[in-house]
C-alpha atoms as a PDB file:
ATOM      1  CA  MET A   1     169.772  90.613  26.770  1.00  0.00           C
ATOM      2  CA  ASP A   2     172.874  92.572  26.327  1.00  0.00           C
ATOM      3  CA  ARG A   3     174.309  94.325  28.997  1.00  0.00           C
ATOM      4  CA  ILE A   4     172.559  98.311  29.727  1.00  0.00           C
ATOM      5  CA  ALA A   5     175.171 101.191  30.058  1.00  0.00           C
ATOM      6  CA  THR A   6     173.523 103.728  33.053  1.00  0.00           C
ATOM      7  CA  ALA A   7     174.815 106.720  34.150  1.00  0.00           C
ATOM      8  CA  SER A   8     177.937 107.131  36.663  1.00  0.00           C
ATOM      9  CA  ASN A   9     179.951 104.674  34.611  1.00  0.00           C
ATOM     10  CA  LEU A  10     177.627 101.350  35.512  1.00  0.00           C
ATOM     11  CA  LEU A  11     176.232  98.413  33.628  1.00  0.00           C
ATOM     12  CA  ILE A  12     173.046  96.496  34.091  1.00  0.00           C
ATOM     13  CA  ASP A  13     173.303  92.776  33.169  1.00  0.00           C
ATOM     14  CA  ALA A  14     169.985  91.252  32.894  1.00  0.00           C
ATOM     15  CA  GLN A  15     169.769  87.102  32.129  1.00  0.00           C
ATOM     16  CA  PRO A  16     167.633  84.383  32.633  1.00  0.00           C
ATOM     17  CA  GLU A  17     169.682  82.850  35.915  1.00  0.00           C
ATOM     18  CA  GLY A  18     169.978  86.654  37.477  1.00  0.00           C
ATOM     19  CA  TRP A  19     170.168  90.375  37.608  1.00  0.00           C
ATOM     20  CA  ARG A  20     173.731  92.001  38.485  1.00  0.00           C
ATOM     21  CA  LEU A  21     174.319  95.877  38.188  1.00  0.00           C
ATOM     22  CA  LEU A  22     178.208  96.090  37.518  1.00  0.00           C
ATOM     23  CA  LEU A  23     180.791  99.096  38.090  1.00  0.00           C
ATOM     24  CA  ASN A  24     182.131  99.843  34.290  1.00  0.00           C
ATOM     25  CA  GLY A  25     185.996  98.999  34.348  1.00  0.00           C
ATOM     26  CA  SER A  26     188.956  97.033  33.419  1.00  0.00           C
ATOM     27  CA  SER A  27     187.017  93.907  35.687  1.00  0.00           C
ATOM     28  CA  ASP A  28     184.048  94.315  36.198  1.00  0.00           C
ATOM     29  CA  ARG A  29     182.896  94.666  39.864  1.00  0.00           C
ATOM     30  CA  THR A  30     180.101  93.098  40.955  1.00  0.00           C
ATOM     31  CA  LEU A  31     177.505  96.081  43.174  1.00  0.00           C
ATOM     32  CA  LEU A  32     174.199  94.538  43.660  1.00  0.00           C
ATOM     33  CA  GLU A  33     172.727  91.161  42.154  1.00  0.00           C
ATOM     34  CA  ALA A  34     169.534  89.191  42.408  1.00  0.00           C
ATOM     35  CA  ARG A  35     168.635  85.670  41.726  1.00  0.00           C
ATOM     36  CA  ARG A  36     165.047  83.771  41.577  1.00  0.00           C
ATOM     37  CA  GLY A  37     164.686  82.603  45.407  1.00  0.00           C
ATOM     38  CA  ALA A  38     167.594  84.525  47.362  1.00  0.00           C
ATOM     39  CA  PRO A  39     168.359  87.440  48.691  1.00  0.00           C
ATOM     40  CA  ILE A  40     169.544  90.287  47.033  1.00  0.00           C
ATOM     41  CA  ARG A  41     173.073  90.922  47.775  1.00  0.00           C
ATOM     42  CA  TYR A  42     175.292  93.828  47.202  1.00  0.00           C
ATOM     43  CA  ALA A  43     178.758  95.052  48.004  1.00  0.00           C
ATOM     44  CA  GLU A  44     179.617  96.961  51.525  1.00  0.00           C
ATOM     45  CA  ILE A  45     180.027 100.525  49.269  1.00  0.00           C
ATOM     46  CA  PHE A  46     177.019 100.331  47.646  1.00  0.00           C
ATOM     47  CA  GLY A  47     174.850  99.455  50.858  1.00  0.00           C
ATOM     48  CA  THR A  48     176.369 101.965  52.786  1.00  0.00           C
ATOM     49  CA  ARG A  49     175.520 104.942  50.166  1.00  0.00           C
ATOM     50  CA  ARG A  50     172.235 104.219  50.144  1.00  0.00           C
ATOM     51  CA  LYS A  51     171.915 103.232  53.919  1.00  0.00           C
ATOM     52  CA  LEU A  52     170.613  99.222  53.756  1.00  0.00           C
ATOM     53  CA  PRO A  53     171.374  97.123  56.265  1.00  0.00           C
ATOM     54  CA  LEU A  54     174.779  96.124  57.430  1.00  0.00           C
ATOM     55  CA  GLU A  55     174.474  91.957  56.762  1.00  0.00           C
ATOM     56  CA  GLY A  56     175.028  92.985  52.586  1.00  0.00           C
ATOM     57  CA  HIS A  57     172.030  90.686  51.641  1.00  0.00           C
ATOM     58  CA  LEU A  58     168.165  92.720  51.462  1.00  0.00           C
ATOM     59  CA  PRO A  59     164.756  89.915  52.181  1.00  0.00           C
ATOM     60  CA  VAL A  60     162.789  89.839  48.622  1.00  0.00           C
ATOM     61  CA  GLU A  61     160.237  90.327  51.403  1.00  0.00           C
ATOM     62  CA  SER A  62     161.049  93.549  51.986  1.00  0.00           C
ATOM     63  CA  ILE A  63     160.816  95.065  48.385  1.00  0.00           C
ATOM     64  CA  ASP A  64     157.063  96.457  47.711  1.00  0.00           C
ATOM     65  CA  ARG A  65     157.801  97.013  43.548  1.00  0.00           C
ATOM     66  CA  VAL A  66     160.617  97.832  41.559  1.00  0.00           C
ATOM     67  CA  VAL A  67     159.817 101.557  39.913  1.00  0.00           C
ATOM     68  CA  LEU A  68     161.267 103.136  37.158  1.00  0.00           C
ATOM     69  CA  GLY A  69     160.722 107.499  36.917  1.00  0.00           C
ATOM     70  CA  TRP A  70     161.250 110.069  35.051  1.00  0.00           C
ATOM     71  CA  SER A  71     162.754 113.221  36.730  1.00  0.00           C
ATOM     72  CA  VAL A  72     161.956 117.087  36.157  1.00  0.00           C
ATOM     73  CA  LYS A  73     164.375 118.088  38.214  1.00  0.00           C
ATOM     74  CA  ASP A  74     167.538 116.004  36.699  1.00  0.00           C
ATOM     75  CA  GLN A  75     166.244 115.789  33.187  1.00  0.00           C
ATOM     76  CA  ALA A  76     167.170 111.322  33.742  1.00  0.00           C
ATOM     77  CA  TRP A  77     165.189 108.659  34.491  1.00  0.00           C
ATOM     78  CA  HIS A  78     165.316 106.580  37.945  1.00  0.00           C
ATOM     79  CA  LEU A  79     165.272 103.099  38.239  1.00  0.00           C
ATOM     80  CA  GLY A  80     165.003 101.883  41.936  1.00  0.00           C
ATOM     81  CA  PHE A  81     163.616  99.682  44.634  1.00  0.00           C
ATOM     82  CA  VAL A  82     160.183 100.830  46.691  1.00  0.00           C
ATOM     83  CA  LEU A  83     160.790  99.784  50.054  1.00  0.00           C
ATOM     84  CA  LEU A  84     158.691  98.348  53.243  1.00  0.00           C
ATOM     85  CA  PRO A  85     159.012  99.332  57.163  1.00  0.00           C
ATOM     86  CA  PRO A  86     160.877  98.162  59.021  1.00  0.00           C
ATOM     87  CA  ILE A  87     163.728  98.684  56.368  1.00  0.00           C
ATOM     88  CA  ALA A  88     162.383 102.031  55.125  1.00  0.00           C
ATOM     89  CA  ASP A  89     161.433 103.340  58.643  1.00  0.00           C
ATOM     90  CA  GLU A  90     165.281 102.929  59.300  1.00  0.00           C
ATOM     91  CA  ARG A  91     166.323 104.711  56.181  1.00  0.00           C
ATOM     92  CA  GLY A  92     164.047 106.963  56.423  1.00  0.00           C
ATOM     93  CA  SER A  93     163.003 107.003  52.905  1.00  0.00           C
ATOM     94  CA  ARG A  94     161.345 103.775  50.830  1.00  0.00           C
ATOM     95  CA  TRP A  95     163.485 104.782  47.790  1.00  0.00           C
ATOM     96  CA  CYS A  96     166.201 102.888  47.454  1.00  0.00           C
ATOM     97  CA  GLU A  97     167.330 103.719  43.852  1.00  0.00           C
ATOM     98  CA  LEU A  98     169.519 101.506  41.637  1.00  0.00           C
ATOM     99  CA  ALA A  99     170.656 103.083  38.594  1.00  0.00           C
ATOM    100  CA  HIS A 100     169.624 106.435  36.355  1.00  0.00           C
ATOM    101  CA  TRP A 101     170.013 107.023  32.466  1.00  0.00           C
ATOM    102  CA  ILE A 102     170.542 111.439  31.746  1.00  0.00           C
ATOM    103  CA  ASP A 103     167.717 111.510  29.028  1.00  0.00           C
ATOM    104  CA  PRO A 104     166.112 115.219  28.334  1.00  0.00           C
ATOM    105  CA  THR A 105     164.520 114.244  25.542  1.00  0.00           C
ATOM    106  CA  ARG A 106     162.491 111.837  27.940  1.00  0.00           C
ATOM    107  CA  LYS A 107     162.470 108.944  25.073  1.00  0.00           C
ATOM    108  CA  GLU A 108     166.109 107.712  23.912  1.00  0.00           C
ATOM    109  CA  PHE A 109     166.170 105.668  27.380  1.00  0.00           C
ATOM    110  CA  GLN A 110     162.690 104.691  28.306  1.00  0.00           C
ATOM    111  CA  ALA A 111     162.804 101.344  26.492  1.00  0.00           C
ATOM    112  CA  THR A 112     166.330 100.298  27.658  1.00  0.00           C
ATOM    113  CA  ALA A 113     165.385 101.742  30.884  1.00  0.00           C
ATOM    114  CA  THR A 114     161.674  99.921  31.252  1.00  0.00           C
ATOM    115  CA  ALA A 115     163.218  96.509  29.901  1.00  0.00           C
ATOM    116  CA  ALA A 116     166.151  96.492  33.125  1.00  0.00           C
ATOM    117  CA  GLY A 117     163.186  97.277  35.035  1.00  0.00           C
ATOM    118  CA  GLU A 118     161.124  94.721  33.780  1.00  0.00           C
ATOM    119  CA  ALA A 119     163.932  92.251  33.908  1.00  0.00           C
ATOM    120  CA  LEU A 120     164.624  92.776  37.608  1.00  0.00           C
ATOM    121  CA  GLY A 121     160.916  92.372  38.868  1.00  0.00           C
ATOM    122  CA  ALA A 122     160.864  89.112  37.147  1.00  0.00           C
ATOM    123  CA  GLN A 123     164.150  88.047  39.010  1.00  0.00           C
ATOM    124  CA  ILE A 124     162.610  89.080  42.510  1.00  0.00           C
ATOM    125  CA  GLY A 125     158.962  88.101  41.526  1.00  0.00           C
ATOM    126  CA  ARG A 126     158.062  91.621  42.265  1.00  0.00           C
ATOM    127  CA  PRO A 127     155.376  94.306  40.410  1.00  0.00           C
ATOM    128  CA  PHE A 128     157.365  96.885  37.992  1.00  0.00           C
ATOM    129  CA  ALA A 129     155.980  99.998  37.921  1.00  0.00           C
ATOM    130  CA  LEU A 130     156.793 102.423  35.402  1.00  0.00           C
ATOM    131  CA  ILE A 131     156.134 106.302  36.122  1.00  0.00           C
ATOM    132  CA  PRO A 132     156.018 108.495  33.002  1.00  0.00           C
ATOM    133  CA  PRO A 133     156.710 111.339  32.109  1.00  0.00           C
ATOM    134  CA  VAL A 134     154.399 114.031  33.651  1.00  0.00           C
ATOM    135  CA  ALA A 135     152.316 116.529  30.775  1.00  0.00           C
ATOM    136  CA  GLU A 136     153.183 120.069  31.516  1.00  0.00           C
ATOM    137  CA  ALA A 137     151.715 120.523  34.988  1.00  0.00           C
ATOM    138  CA  VAL A 138     148.128 121.931  36.037  1.00  0.00           C
ATOM    139  CA  PRO A 139     147.975 124.583  38.583  1.00  0.00           C
ATOM    140  CA  MET A 140     146.979 123.449  41.645  1.00  0.00           C
ATOM    141  CA  PRO A 141     143.557 124.810  42.619  1.00  0.00           C
ATOM    142  CA  PRO A 142     144.137 126.483  46.093  1.00  0.00           C
ATOM    143  CA  LEU A 143     142.630 124.876  49.198  1.00  0.00           C
ATOM    144  CA  PRO A 144     139.968 124.389  50.890  1.00  0.00           C
ATOM    145  CA  PHE A 145     138.670 122.470  47.891  1.00  0.00           C
ATOM    146  CA  HIS A 146     134.488 121.551  48.862  1.00  0.00           C
ATOM    147  CA  PHE A 147     132.771 117.522  48.182  1.00  0.00           C
ATOM    148  CA  ASP A 148     128.973 117.718  48.331  1.00  0.00           C
ATOM    149  CA  LEU A 149     128.786 117.975  52.502  1.00  0.00           C
ATOM    150  CA  TRP A 150     132.698 117.503  52.956  1.00  0.00           C
ATOM    151  CA  THR A 151     135.648 120.112  53.453  1.00  0.00           C
ATOM    152  CA  PHE A 152     139.300 119.416  52.174  1.00  0.00           C
ATOM    153  CA  GLN A 153     142.037 121.714  53.464  1.00  0.00           C
ATOM    154  CA  GLN A 154     145.428 121.491  55.130  1.00  0.00           C
ATOM    155  CA  SER A 155     144.980 121.258  58.859  1.00  0.00           C
ATOM    156  CA  ALA A 156     149.368 121.819  59.502  1.00  0.00           C
ATOM    157  CA  GLU A 157     152.157 120.830  58.185  1.00  0.00           C
ATOM    158  CA  GLY A 158     152.454 117.849  56.281  1.00  0.00           C
ATOM    159  CA  GLN A 159     148.584 116.471  57.531  1.00  0.00           C
ATOM    160  CA  TYR A 160     145.303 116.993  55.749  1.00  0.00           C
ATOM    161  CA  GLU A 161     141.630 116.776  56.839  1.00  0.00           C
ATOM    162  CA  PHE A 162     138.631 115.990  55.117  1.00  0.00           C
ATOM    163  CA  VAL A 163     135.238 118.388  57.796  1.00  0.00           C
ATOM    164  CA  ARG A 164     131.884 117.283  57.249  1.00  0.00           C
ATOM    165  CA  ALA A 165     129.497 119.934  57.416  1.00  0.00           C
ATOM    166  CA  ALA A 166     127.495 120.545  59.956  1.00  0.00           C
ATOM    167  CA  LYS A 167     124.468 121.048  57.949  1.00  0.00           C
ATOM    168  CA  TRP A 168     124.658 117.247  57.926  1.00  0.00           C
ATOM    169  CA  ALA A 169     124.243 116.900  61.539  1.00  0.00           C
ATOM    170  CA  ARG A 170     121.551 119.722  61.622  1.00  0.00           C
ATOM    171  CA  SER A 171     119.655 117.965  58.407  1.00  0.00           C
ATOM    172  CA  ASN A 172     119.416 114.660  60.145  1.00  0.00           C
ATOM    173  CA  LEU A 173     118.373 115.746  63.711  1.00  0.00           C
ATOM    174  CA  LEU A 174     115.436 117.966  61.631  1.00  0.00           C
ATOM    175  CA  ARG A 175     114.202 114.287  59.435  1.00  0.00           C
ATOM    176  CA  ALA A 176     114.223 112.772  62.982  1.00  0.00           C
ATOM    177  CA  ALA A 177     112.018 114.847  64.641  1.00  0.00           C
ATOM    178  CA  TRP A 178     109.485 115.521  61.754  1.00  0.00           C
ATOM    179  CA  TYR A 179     109.588 111.532  61.630  1.00  0.00           C
ATOM    180  CA  LEU A 180     108.690 111.847  65.644  1.00  0.00           C
ATOM    181  CA  LEU A 181     106.147 114.520  64.642  1.00  0.00           C
ATOM    182  CA  TRP A 182     104.521 112.339  62.879  1.00  0.00           C
ATOM    183  CA  MET A 183     104.735 109.412  65.303  1.00  0.00           C
ATOM    184  CA  VAL A 184     102.889 111.616  67.466  1.00  0.00           C
ATOM    185  CA  ALA A 185     100.008 112.776  65.072  1.00  0.00           C
ATOM    186  CA  PHE A 186      99.781 108.486  64.167  1.00  0.00           C
ATOM    187  CA  LEU A 187      99.293 107.359  67.509  1.00  0.00           C
ATOM    188  CA  VAL A 188      96.994 110.511  68.651  1.00  0.00           C
ATOM    189  CA  LEU A 189      94.566 109.461  65.839  1.00  0.00           C
ATOM    190  CA  ALA A 190      95.129 105.586  66.522  1.00  0.00           C
ATOM    191  CA  VAL A 191      94.771 106.508  70.603  1.00  0.00           C
ATOM    192  CA  THR A 192      91.393 108.364  69.641  1.00  0.00           C
ATOM    193  CA  SER A 193      89.525 106.133  67.614  1.00  0.00           C
ATOM    194  CA  VAL A 194      89.990 103.211  70.281  1.00  0.00           C
ATOM    195  CA  THR A 195      89.250 105.503  73.329  1.00  0.00           C
ATOM    196  CA  SER A 196      86.753 108.017  71.778  1.00  0.00           C
ATOM    197  CA  GLY A 197      83.155 105.511  72.026  1.00  0.00           C
ATOM    198  CA  ILE A 198      82.389 105.731  68.571  1.00  0.00           C
ATOM    199  CA  ALA A 199      82.692 103.204  65.671  1.00  0.00           C
ATOM    200  CA  TYR A 200      86.000 102.124  64.397  1.00  0.00           C
ATOM    201  CA  PRO A 201      86.936 103.457  61.289  1.00  0.00           C
ATOM    202  CA  ARG A 202      86.397 101.270  58.308  1.00  0.00           C
ATOM    203  CA  PRO A 203      88.547  99.508  57.340  1.00  0.00           C
ATOM    204  CA  GLU A 204      89.221  98.386  61.261  1.00  0.00           C
ATOM    205  CA  LEU A 205      92.854  98.020  60.271  1.00  0.00           C
ATOM    206  CA  LEU A 206      93.412 101.487  60.026  1.00  0.00           C
ATOM    207  CA  VAL A 207      93.844 101.722  63.694  1.00  0.00           C
ATOM    208  CA  PRO A 208      96.559  99.021  64.142  1.00  0.00           C
ATOM    209  CA  ALA A 209      98.127 100.224  61.193  1.00  0.00           C
ATOM    210  CA  GLY A 210      98.436 103.292  62.766  1.00  0.00           C
ATOM    211  CA  PHE A 211     100.454 102.177  65.916  1.00  0.00           C
ATOM    212  CA  VAL A 212     102.422 100.273  63.645  1.00  0.00           C
ATOM    213  CA  CYS A 213     103.531 103.214  61.598  1.00  0.00           C
ATOM    214  CA  ALA A 214     104.002 104.856  64.686  1.00  0.00           C
ATOM    215  CA  VAL A 215     106.499 102.673  65.812  1.00  0.00           C
ATOM    216  CA  VAL A 216     108.365 102.558  62.549  1.00  0.00           C
ATOM    217  CA  LEU A 217     108.545 106.331  62.493  1.00  0.00           C
ATOM    218  CA  PHE A 218     110.033 106.169  65.957  1.00  0.00           C
ATOM    219  CA  GLY A 219     112.901 103.579  64.497  1.00  0.00           C
ATOM    220  CA  MET A 220     113.237 105.647  61.749  1.00  0.00           C
ATOM    221  CA  ALA A 221     113.975 108.851  63.673  1.00  0.00           C
ATOM    222  CA  VAL A 222     115.899 106.643  66.575  1.00  0.00           C
ATOM    223  CA  GLY A 223     117.633 105.467  63.472  1.00  0.00           C
ATOM    224  CA  LEU A 224     118.704 108.649  62.374  1.00  0.00           C
ATOM    225  CA  VAL A 225     119.768 110.095  65.406  1.00  0.00           C
ATOM    226  CA  VAL A 226     121.964 107.292  66.196  1.00  0.00           C
ATOM    227  CA  ARG A 227     123.837 107.378  63.442  1.00  0.00           C
ATOM    228  CA  THR A 228     124.308 111.182  62.826  1.00  0.00           C
ATOM    229  CA  LEU A 229     126.050 111.031  66.088  1.00  0.00           C
ATOM    230  CA  LEU A 230     128.361 107.970  65.816  1.00  0.00           C
ATOM    231  CA  ARG A 231     129.213 108.785  62.060  1.00  0.00           C
ATOM    232  CA  PRO A 232     132.748 110.115  61.427  1.00  0.00           C
ATOM    233  CA  ASN A 233     132.838 114.149  60.887  1.00  0.00           C
ATOM    234  CA  ARG A 234     136.537 114.461  60.223  1.00  0.00           C
ATOM    235  CA  ILE A 235     139.208 112.432  58.504  1.00  0.00           C
ATOM    236  CA  VAL A 236     142.667 113.001  58.996  1.00  0.00           C
ATOM    237  CA  VAL A 237     145.472 112.053  56.238  1.00  0.00           C
ATOM    238  CA  ASP A 238     149.125 112.527  57.641  1.00  0.00           C
ATOM    239  CA  LYS A 239     152.168 110.549  56.941  1.00  0.00           C
ATOM    240  CA  GLN A 240     151.005 107.459  59.214  1.00  0.00           C
ATOM    241  CA  GLY A 241     147.838 107.088  57.623  1.00  0.00           C
ATOM    242  CA  VAL A 242     144.293 107.438  57.506  1.00  0.00           C
ATOM    243  CA  ARG A 243     141.904 107.989  60.788  1.00  0.00           C
ATOM    244  CA  TRP A 244     138.079 108.844  60.859  1.00  0.00           C
ATOM    245  CA  LEU A 245     137.026 111.038  64.198  1.00  0.00           C
ATOM    246  CA  ARG A 246     133.830 111.639  65.061  1.00  0.00           C
ATOM    247  CA  GLY A 247     134.717 114.742  67.644  1.00  0.00           C
ATOM    248  CA  ARG A 248     138.043 113.500  69.460  1.00  0.00           C
ATOM    249  CA  SER A 249     137.454 109.851  69.357  1.00  0.00           C
ATOM    250  CA  VAL A 250     138.908 107.925  66.971  1.00  0.00           C
ATOM    251  CA  THR A 251     136.594 105.294  64.456  1.00  0.00           C
ATOM    252  CA  LYS A 252     138.415 103.228  62.717  1.00  0.00           C
ATOM    253  CA  THR A 253     142.389 103.930  61.564  1.00  0.00           C
ATOM    254  CA  ILE A 254     144.267 102.819  58.243  1.00  0.00           C
ATOM    255  CA  PRO A 255     147.954 103.084  58.904  1.00  0.00           C
ATOM    256  CA  VAL A 256     150.254 104.187  55.937  1.00  0.00           C
ATOM    257  CA  ASP A 257     151.935 101.319  55.630  1.00  0.00           C
ATOM    258  CA  THR A 258     148.802  98.781  54.774  1.00  0.00           C
ATOM    259  CA  VAL A 259     148.145 101.576  51.531  1.00  0.00           C
ATOM    260  CA  GLN A 260     149.458 100.779  48.101  1.00  0.00           C
ATOM    261  CA  SER A 261     148.087 103.546  45.606  1.00  0.00           C
ATOM    262  CA  VAL A 262     145.483 106.104  45.752  1.00  0.00           C
ATOM    263  CA  TYR A 263     142.870 105.683  43.410  1.00  0.00           C
ATOM    264  CA  VAL A 264     140.434 108.475  42.391  1.00  0.00           C
ATOM    265  CA  SER A 265     137.614 107.126  40.115  1.00  0.00           C
ATOM    266  CA  HIS A 266     135.019 109.364  37.799  1.00  0.00           C
ATOM    267  CA  VAL A 267     131.805 107.961  36.414  1.00  0.00           C
ATOM    268  CA  VAL A 268     131.606 110.779  33.066  1.00  0.00           C
ATOM    269  CA  SER A 269     129.761 111.378  30.416  1.00  0.00           C
ATOM    270  CA  GLY A 270     130.236 110.155  27.100  1.00  0.00           C
ATOM    271  CA  ALA A 271     132.750 112.261  24.465  1.00  0.00           C
ATOM    272  CA  LYS A 272     131.027 114.334  21.881  1.00  0.00           C
ATOM    273  CA  ARG A 273     133.352 115.067  18.991  1.00  0.00           C
ATOM    274  CA  ARG A 274     133.479 118.074  16.521  1.00  0.00           C
ATOM    275  CA  LYS A 275     135.257 119.945  13.900  1.00  0.00           C
ATOM    276  CA  ARG A 276     137.546 122.474  14.495  1.00  0.00           C
ATOM    277  CA  PRO A 277     138.183 125.760  11.583  1.00  0.00           C
ATOM    278  CA  ASP A 278     141.296 124.021  11.526  1.00  0.00           C
ATOM    279  CA  GLY A 279     139.611 120.801   9.755  1.00  0.00           C
ATOM    280  CA  GLU A 280     141.068 118.690  13.256  1.00  0.00           C
ATOM    281  CA  VAL A 281     138.287 116.486  14.877  1.00  0.00           C
ATOM    282  CA  SER A 282     138.892 116.981  19.074  1.00  0.00           C
ATOM    283  CA  ALA A 283     136.460 115.749  21.824  1.00  0.00           C
ATOM    284  CA  ASP A 284     135.087 117.869  23.618  1.00  0.00           C
ATOM    285  CA  LEU A 285     135.710 117.880  27.403  1.00  0.00           C
ATOM    286  CA  ARG A 286     133.155 115.011  29.624  1.00  0.00           C
ATOM    287  CA  ALA A 287     130.835 115.827  32.599  1.00  0.00           C
ATOM    288  CA  VAL A 288     131.828 114.072  35.906  1.00  0.00           C
ATOM    289  CA  HIS A 289     128.091 112.726  37.651  1.00  0.00           C
ATOM    290  CA  TYR A 290     130.088 110.672  40.649  1.00  0.00           C
ATOM    291  CA  GLY A 291     133.320 110.749  42.080  1.00  0.00           C
ATOM    292  CA  GLU A 292     135.220 108.113  44.739  1.00  0.00           C
ATOM    293  CA  LEU A 293     138.586 108.896  46.247  1.00  0.00           C
ATOM    294  CA  ASN A 294     139.865 105.421  47.180  1.00  0.00           C
ATOM    295  CA  LEU A 295     142.712 103.778  49.312  1.00  0.00           C
ATOM    296  CA  ASP A 296     144.201 100.366  46.915  1.00  0.00           C
ATOM    297  CA  LEU A 297     145.441  98.650  50.593  1.00  0.00           C
ATOM    298  CA  ARG A 298     147.815  95.598  50.049  1.00  0.00           C
ATOM    299  CA  ASP A 299     144.942  92.418  50.964  1.00  0.00           C
ATOM    300  CA  GLU A 300     143.630  93.695  48.064  1.00  0.00           C
ATOM    301  CA  ARG A 301     140.701  95.617  49.679  1.00  0.00           C
ATOM    302  CA  PHE A 302     139.646  99.081  48.706  1.00  0.00           C
ATOM    303  CA  GLN A 303     138.646 101.585  51.410  1.00  0.00           C
ATOM    304  CA  VAL A 304     136.726 104.669  50.275  1.00  0.00           C
ATOM    305  CA  VAL A 305     137.704 107.189  51.800  1.00  0.00           C
ATOM    306  CA  LEU A 306     135.085 109.889  50.284  1.00  0.00           C
ATOM    307  CA  THR A 307     132.154 109.939  47.231  1.00  0.00           C
ATOM    308  CA  HIS A 308     131.424 112.856  45.711  1.00  0.00           C
ATOM    309  CA  GLY A 309     128.488 113.724  43.859  1.00  0.00           C
ATOM    310  CA  ALA A 310     127.378 115.872  40.373  1.00  0.00           C
ATOM    311  CA  SER A 311     129.615 117.693  39.996  1.00  0.00           C
ATOM    312  CA  GLU A 312     130.403 120.865  37.429  1.00  0.00           C
ATOM    313  CA  GLU A 313     134.066 120.143  36.688  1.00  0.00           C
ATOM    314  CA  ARG A 314     134.794 118.274  33.320  1.00  0.00           C
ATOM    315  CA  VAL A 315     137.841 115.791  32.523  1.00  0.00           C
ATOM    316  CA  ASN A 316     139.623 115.629  29.298  1.00  0.00           C
ATOM    317  CA  GLY A 317     137.251 113.945  26.629  1.00  0.00           C
ATOM    318  CA  GLU A 318     140.374 112.433  24.603  1.00  0.00           C
ATOM    319  CA  GLY A 319     140.753 108.761  25.304  1.00  0.00           C
ATOM    320  CA  GLU A 320     138.897 105.660  25.981  1.00  0.00           C
ATOM    321  CA  ASP A 321     135.328 105.600  27.648  1.00  0.00           C
ATOM    322  CA  ASN A 322     136.478 102.845  30.455  1.00  0.00           C
ATOM    323  CA  ALA A 323     140.064 103.364  31.502  1.00  0.00           C
ATOM    324  CA  LEU A 324     142.987 102.931  34.533  1.00  0.00           C
ATOM    325  CA  VAL A 325     145.936 105.580  33.854  1.00  0.00           C
ATOM    326  CA  PRO A 326     148.782 106.684  36.435  1.00  0.00           C
ATOM    327  CA  LEU A 327     147.191 109.632  38.438  1.00  0.00           C
ATOM    328  CA  ASN A 328     149.933 112.849  37.501  1.00  0.00           C
ATOM    329  CA  HIS A 329     150.296 116.243  38.115  1.00  0.00           C
ATOM    330  CA  GLY A 330     149.892 116.273  33.589  1.00  0.00           C
ATOM    331  CA  ASN A 331     146.377 114.585  33.752  1.00  0.00           C
ATOM    332  CA  ARG A 332     144.747 115.993  36.861  1.00  0.00           C
ATOM    333  CA  ARG A 333     141.930 117.950  35.835  1.00  0.00           C
ATOM    334  CA  THR A 334     139.128 118.005  39.093  1.00  0.00           C
ATOM    335  CA  GLN A 335     139.352 118.892  42.933  1.00  0.00           C
ATOM    336  CA  LEU A 336     139.514 114.876  44.051  1.00  0.00           C
ATOM    337  CA  GLN A 337     141.988 114.032  41.458  1.00  0.00           C
ATOM    338  CA  ALA A 338     143.624 117.260  43.043  1.00  0.00           C
ATOM    339  CA  ALA A 339     143.084 115.653  46.301  1.00  0.00           C
ATOM    340  CA  GLY A 340     144.151 112.144  45.641  1.00  0.00           C
ATOM    341  CA  LEU A 341     147.493 113.274  44.591  1.00  0.00           C
ATOM    342  CA  LEU A 342     147.722 115.557  47.446  1.00  0.00           C
ATOM    343  CA  ILE A 343     147.287 112.570  49.631  1.00  0.00           C
ATOM    344  CA  ALA A 344     149.460 110.678  47.538  1.00  0.00           C
ATOM    345  CA  ASP A 345     152.371 112.769  47.063  1.00  0.00           C
ATOM    346  CA  LEU A 346     152.184 112.570  51.478  1.00  0.00           C
ATOM    347  CA  PHE A 347     152.784 109.065  51.383  1.00  0.00           C
ATOM    348  CA  ASN A 348     154.652 108.530  48.619  1.00  0.00           C
ATOM    349  CA  LEU A 349     152.534 106.479  46.958  1.00  0.00           C
ATOM    350  CA  PRO A 350     151.627 106.480  43.492  1.00  0.00           C
ATOM    351  CA  ALA A 351     148.054 107.921  42.152  1.00  0.00           C
ATOM    352  CA  HIS A 352     145.574 106.226  39.471  1.00  0.00           C
ATOM    353  CA  TYR A 353     142.722 107.541  38.093  1.00  0.00           C
ATOM    354  CA  ASP A 354     139.969 104.901  37.053  1.00  0.00           C
ATOM    355  CA  GLN A 355     137.272 106.392  34.320  1.00  0.00           C
ATOM    356  CA  ARG A 356     134.206 104.520  33.872  1.00  0.00           C
ATOM    357  CA  ARG A 357     131.431 106.325  31.035  1.00  0.00           C
ATOM    358  CA  ARG A 358     128.118 106.674  32.395  1.00  0.00           C
END
């Protein structure tokens, strides 16, 4: 690969044997160098400006991924690392920029910058992520959001909560009471049949069946009450991670450093195509039948945060029936997607949208 010029008078030299960031001049000065199987080494001035360890080298294991993204603020592509704790905590930021390209068109340097990022990711054995320019942002709907029996709201600065509706507990307890009422009815009928002195009903199996039904109904009622008392009624999301709570008791915790991205999934209807008056063919919006908000964990597991049934909302009809794409403020359409983006922004992590056709 030829040398790639960047802003601030820097050069990127990507070769099979190594990836270097150079200060362009009469004698190019190496600011950073990455080679397979070795720590990333950098000049003192480079590390000082980016608050990197003073030792002058960075273990590859402290890097989560290489990221290239376009910034609206300065109309530029930015290439850098996403760092992991404890180095990220010591710096006060997970992002470490290496180079940038001024590109108001969003397209002039995308291919060049992408090639540089992919070469760096391959050199250090870390994934490369491209965050494309977002389309015109869709206005964020006002909080709170309502999902079936859950409400998503902001409870404090830098903190969100999913709160379960109280009617969920009331409904479960009423159902348990209904089971107990039927249990009593079966017991009365069965005991009366045994103690009344009259002949057993026909068939005689009805009497033991009554006792069995009473036991089953009692078990169902107890199970429902226990589940109601133990299930979380709040899910708190802040910069430290996600906590599931029952009252003030924490039942489960997912620290933010174990999360690598936020996933929003929708099961949608097929797109119906129609012809517009101008002769163009367009796709209607797709109906949302089901949704999930998940955390993609670093141990290759997914943790479900919320499930949401059929919604009156719609998503774009264009695109593939089944697709996995970056989720941003340009392609966000539903409240579940908005909640996922707010959480991803809070965690400073990427968000993805997984669409599946019913």
